[in-house]
Amino acid sequence: MRRLQIEHQTTYEYSETVTLLPHKLLLRPREGHDLRIESADLAISPAHHLQWQRDVYGNSVAWARFVEPSNRLSMVSRLVLQHYDDQPLDFLVADFAVFYPFQYEAAERVDLGPYLLPVFVSDQPLLSAWLRPFWQPGQVVETYVLLDTINKAIARDFAYQQREQAGVQTPATTLAHRSGSCRDSATLFIEACRNLGLAARFVSGYLCSTPVTQGQGATHAWAEVYLPGAGWKGFDPTSGQVVGNDHIAVAVSRHPELIPPVSGSFLAATPQSPRMQVAVQVVEIQT
């Protein structure tokens, strides 16, 4: 078990006083048998009303509704949590799904339907061609080995590129440029899985350390694939790793653009380009 402390600060500064419309915050990790939250504090300025709810995916969503205008918006999330996923490879796949291809059971397939449908439909022929070295019709391979090979291939063959623009690249763009952000690599992996008939979803959260800055942290994105018998298993195509206790999941979605950490809008008398600053720190608490 690891105890982790997370601080996530987001600040917007405006050149004049604006009216802040409701903001949606996805900052609270998904609790379960592998993750427990010890303490959580969310400080927001200016004055506001805060309302919590669960969305269709079971994510914890905070809605901030502001009661006064301001030229500055500040949101600081502070968390202490316990992470128990020390052995991410300790899982068993159901006998019928050990080897690919396989078919999901009818009852599960109904619920998995949205995670089987591609988001970028027009990119599917390109994905089929890209996947050919990994699997071809008529071939039988171990399901986990297939996923692990694709995951590692993206990490090996595609350059990481930090992008400030909102949204994700299409898989076609990522394939053409051979580069992308973590969310672009996750999207490529997810759409590749769906091309193969495997249910996959997008995950946003935190990474305890990065190859560049050990001991710090970052917002991060990866993928989960539903494996019968094992459930939703995380794959991080940015690093090529199976997800373990370095990864803290905050939100999941079928679509990679639906779960940014902070989203909202404002009204202003003149056009605005607010200055945004984001700082994330994820550190292990030594016991």
Foldseek 3Di string as FASTA:
>chain_A
DFKKKKKKKKKWAWPDWWFFAKKKFLAAFDDDPFKDWPDKDKDKDDAWDWDWDADPQRFIIIITGHDDIDRMIMIMMITIMGGRQPDLPPFDFPPQQQKPDGDDDPVVCVVLVLQLDAPCVVCLVVLVVVCVVLDDPPDMDGPVVSLLVLLQCLQPQAAEDDDPDADEDALVVCVVRSYYHQLNQQSVSSNSCSSRRWGKKKWWFKFCQDPVGGFFIDIGIWMWTQGHRGGTWTGRSNNSDTDGRRTTTRDIDSDSRPCDRMDTDIGDPDDIDIDMDMGMGMGTDDD
